[in-house]
Amino acid sequence: MSPANLYQRYGHVLRQFIKFGLVGGAGVVVNMIVAIAMNKANGGTVNAQQVLFAIPGTSYNFRFTSLVWIVAFLIANVFNFQLNRSWTFRGTAKAPWFHEFWPFLLVGSVAALIGLFVKIAFTNPTSPIYLPEPWFHENAGLRSREYWSQLLTIVVTMPINFLVNKLWTFRHVRRRHAERIDEAVSG
């Protein structure tokens, strides 16, 4: 199969991937703005490992860095969903907003849960993927382990989000909604 035939056959998927990547890039900016704002409000990234509460029944703690990851994810997820819905995957009939949002949030939440463990590994000194000093530290913003771990974790989880959202949220959910409408009209 020639490159022209491949592009003709799969060009729309490539365009969607590029759009999804652009939306994702904008979502990264939103995510990082939230992370920076939350860390600044908490006295800087030097306080990112502050324990917020002990996780009952374990020797683990819920730290401020985890709260930052969760809040930034939720805000960026709503932003990304709306932009992907109205731009990236606009070519097909849409299901109602919440019918598409809940699967998108579920997919994002699974990726975010995986990402939470990746981020913790980047910031935990006992981890094999810990972001080491002297390059990464909490004394300067651009070299902040907290910000780099946030950014790198987003990059790691983005392909999961694209594939599952393309195949499930914006294809299967919409197709199922269209079939329900067809059944209601013809039935």
Protein backbone atom coordinates (compact mmCIF):
# COMPACT_ATOMS: atom_id res chain seq x y z
CA MET A 1 0.00 0.00 0.00
CA SER A 2 1.46 3.37 -1.00
CA PRO A 3 1.83 6.33 1.39
CA ALA A 4 -0.89 8.18 -0.55
CA ASN A 5 -3.29 5.24 -0.10
CA LEU A 6 -2.43 5.02 3.59
CA TYR A 7 -3.08 8.74 4.03
CA GLN A 8 -6.33 8.52 2.09
CA ARG A 9 -7.47 5.60 4.22
CA TYR A 10 -6.18 6.77 7.62
CA GLY A 11 -5.71 10.52 7.14
CA HIS A 12 -8.75 11.36 9.26
CA VAL A 13 -7.27 9.39 12.16
CA LEU A 14 -3.98 11.27 11.77
CA ARG A 15 -5.84 14.61 11.71
CA GLN A 16 -7.80 13.58 14.81
CA PHE A 17 -4.60 12.55 16.57
CA ILE A 18 -2.99 15.90 15.74
CA LYS A 19 -6.07 17.79 16.94
CA PHE A 20 -6.21 15.62 20.06
CA GLY A 21 -2.54 16.43 20.62
CA LEU A 22 -3.17 20.17 20.23
CA VAL A 23 -6.10 19.98 22.64
CA GLY A 24 -3.90 17.91 24.94
CA GLY A 25 -1.18 20.55 24.69
CA ALA A 26 -3.67 23.23 25.68
CA GLY A 27 -4.84 20.93 28.48
CA VAL A 28 -1.23 20.57 29.65
CA VAL A 29 -1.04 24.35 29.92
CA VAL A 30 -4.29 24.40 31.93
CA ASN A 31 -3.02 21.52 34.11
CA MET A 32 0.32 23.23 34.74
CA ILE A 33 -1.33 26.59 35.55
CA VAL A 34 -3.47 24.85 38.16
CA ALA A 35 -0.43 22.99 39.54
CA ILE A 36 1.64 26.17 39.75
CA ALA A 37 -1.20 28.15 41.34
CA MET A 38 -1.89 25.46 43.93
CA ASN A 39 1.80 25.05 44.79
CA LYS A 40 2.29 28.82 45.07
CA ALA A 41 -0.77 29.05 47.34
CA ASN A 42 0.80 26.31 49.50
CA GLY A 43 4.11 28.14 49.91
CA GLY A 44 5.92 26.75 46.86
CA THR A 45 6.98 23.34 45.60
CA VAL A 46 9.20 22.91 48.64
CA ASN A 47 5.93 22.04 50.45
CA ALA A 48 4.64 19.62 47.81
CA GLN A 49 5.49 16.56 49.89
CA GLN A 50 3.56 17.90 52.88
CA VAL A 51 1.38 15.17 54.39
CA LEU A 52 -2.31 16.10 54.33
CA PHE A 53 -3.55 12.95 56.06
CA ALA A 54 -2.56 9.35 56.74
CA ILE A 55 -4.27 6.71 54.62
CA PRO A 56 -6.14 4.59 57.19
CA GLY A 57 -4.95 1.02 57.62
CA THR A 58 -1.68 1.63 55.75
CA SER A 59 1.71 3.15 56.40
CA TYR A 60 1.10 5.59 53.50
CA ASN A 61 0.09 9.23 53.47
CA PHE A 62 -1.89 11.43 51.12
CA ARG A 63 0.39 14.34 50.24
CA PHE A 64 -0.19 17.76 48.77
CA THR A 65 1.43 16.66 45.49
CA SER A 66 -1.36 14.08 45.07
CA LEU A 67 -4.03 16.70 45.69
CA VAL A 68 -2.41 18.92 43.06
CA TRP A 69 -2.41 16.04 40.56
CA ILE A 70 -6.11 15.27 41.17
CA VAL A 71 -7.40 18.88 41.06
CA ALA A 72 -5.30 19.78 38.00
CA PHE A 73 -6.49 16.61 36.26
CA LEU A 74 -10.18 17.35 36.93
CA ILE A 75 -9.99 20.93 35.67
CA ALA A 76 -7.93 20.00 32.59
CA ASN A 77 -10.21 17.01 31.92
CA VAL A 78 -13.34 19.18 31.64
CA PHE A 79 -11.41 21.66 29.45
CA ASN A 80 -10.09 18.88 27.18
CA PHE A 81 -13.45 17.14 26.96
CA GLN A 82 -15.26 20.23 25.77
CA LEU A 83 -12.59 21.12 23.22
CA ASN A 84 -12.33 17.54 21.91
CA ARG A 85 -16.12 17.25 21.73
CA SER A 86 -16.55 20.48 19.81
CA TRP A 87 -13.44 20.34 17.61
CA THR A 88 -11.46 17.05 17.43
CA PHE A 89 -14.39 14.62 17.20
CA ARG A 90 -17.05 16.99 15.90
CA GLY A 91 -17.67 15.06 12.66
CA THR A 92 -20.19 12.61 14.08
CA ALA A 93 -23.58 13.09 15.70
CA LYS A 94 -23.12 13.84 19.35
CA ALA A 95 -24.73 12.14 22.29
CA PRO A 96 -25.92 14.42 25.12
CA TRP A 97 -23.06 16.16 26.95
CA PHE A 98 -23.16 14.05 30.12
CA HIS A 99 -23.52 10.80 28.13
CA GLU A 100 -20.12 11.53 26.57
CA PHE A 101 -18.54 13.27 29.57
CA TRP A 102 -18.85 10.39 32.06
CA PRO A 103 -16.99 7.90 29.81
CA PHE A 104 -14.37 10.59 29.05
CA LEU A 105 -13.96 11.26 32.77
CA LEU A 106 -13.76 7.52 33.48
CA VAL A 107 -11.04 7.01 30.87
CA GLY A 108 -9.18 10.06 32.12
CA SER A 109 -9.55 8.90 35.71
CA VAL A 110 -7.97 5.52 34.93
CA ALA A 111 -5.09 7.28 33.18
CA ALA A 112 -4.90 9.78 36.08
CA LEU A 113 -4.77 6.96 38.64
CA ILE A 114 -1.90 5.36 36.73
CA GLY A 115 -0.37 8.84 36.42
CA LEU A 116 -0.66 9.44 40.17
CA PHE A 117 1.58 6.43 40.82
CA VAL A 118 3.99 7.55 38.10
CA LYS A 119 4.15 11.06 39.60
CA ILE A 120 4.73 9.64 43.08
CA ALA A 121 7.53 7.49 41.65
CA PHE A 122 9.14 10.55 40.02
CA THR A 123 9.09 12.39 43.36
CA ASN A 124 9.90 9.55 45.79
CA PRO A 125 13.64 9.31 46.59
CA THR A 126 13.41 5.51 46.99
CA SER A 127 11.94 5.02 43.49
CA PRO A 128 14.04 3.80 40.55
CA ILE A 129 12.61 6.61 38.38
CA TYR A 130 13.08 9.39 40.96
CA LEU A 131 14.06 12.66 39.29
CA PRO A 132 17.55 13.14 40.78
CA GLU A 133 19.44 16.13 42.09
CA PRO A 134 21.32 18.26 41.19
CA TRP A 135 19.21 18.95 38.09
CA PHE A 136 15.82 18.47 39.76
CA HIS A 137 15.17 20.14 43.10
CA GLU A 138 12.59 22.33 44.81
CA ASN A 139 14.69 25.50 45.09
CA ALA A 140 13.94 26.88 41.60
CA GLY A 141 10.71 26.79 39.60
CA LEU A 142 12.05 25.65 36.23
CA ARG A 143 14.00 22.80 37.75
CA SER A 144 11.29 21.83 40.20
CA ARG A 145 10.90 18.08 40.53
CA GLU A 146 7.22 18.74 41.29
CA TYR A 147 6.59 20.53 37.98
CA TRP A 148 8.69 18.16 35.87
CA SER A 149 6.99 15.12 37.40
CA GLN A 150 3.58 16.68 36.61
CA LEU A 151 4.59 17.36 33.00
CA LEU A 152 6.32 14.01 32.36
CA THR A 153 3.39 12.08 33.81
CA ILE A 154 0.98 13.89 31.48
CA VAL A 155 3.16 12.88 28.52
CA VAL A 156 3.16 9.24 29.69
CA THR A 157 -0.64 9.07 30.05
CA MET A 158 -1.67 10.98 26.89
CA PRO A 159 -1.56 8.04 24.41
CA ILE A 160 -3.83 5.99 26.70
CA ASN A 161 -6.35 8.83 26.72
CA PHE A 162 -6.33 9.26 22.94
CA LEU A 163 -6.82 5.63 22.02
CA VAL A 164 -9.49 4.79 24.55
CA ASN A 165 -11.41 8.05 24.07
CA LYS A 166 -11.32 7.74 20.29
CA LEU A 167 -12.53 4.15 20.32
CA TRP A 168 -14.95 4.29 23.22
CA THR A 169 -16.08 7.79 24.24
CA PHE A 170 -16.32 9.45 20.85
CA ARG A 171 -17.15 6.42 18.72
CA HIS A 172 -18.94 3.73 20.71
CA VAL A 173 -20.96 6.08 22.95
CA ARG A 174 -22.04 8.22 19.99
CA ARG A 175 -22.88 5.17 17.88
CA ARG A 176 -24.93 3.68 20.70
CA HIS A 177 -26.78 6.99 21.14
CA ALA A 178 -27.48 7.22 17.38
CA GLU A 179 -28.82 3.63 17.40
CA ARG A 180 -31.19 4.50 20.27
CA ILE A 181 -32.47 7.50 18.33
CA ASP A 182 -32.94 5.39 15.18
CA GLU A 183 -34.86 2.77 17.17
CA ALA A 184 -37.08 5.42 18.73
CA VAL A 185 -37.81 7.03 15.33
CA SER A 186 -38.46 3.74 13.51
CA GLY A 187 -40.17 1.98 16.39
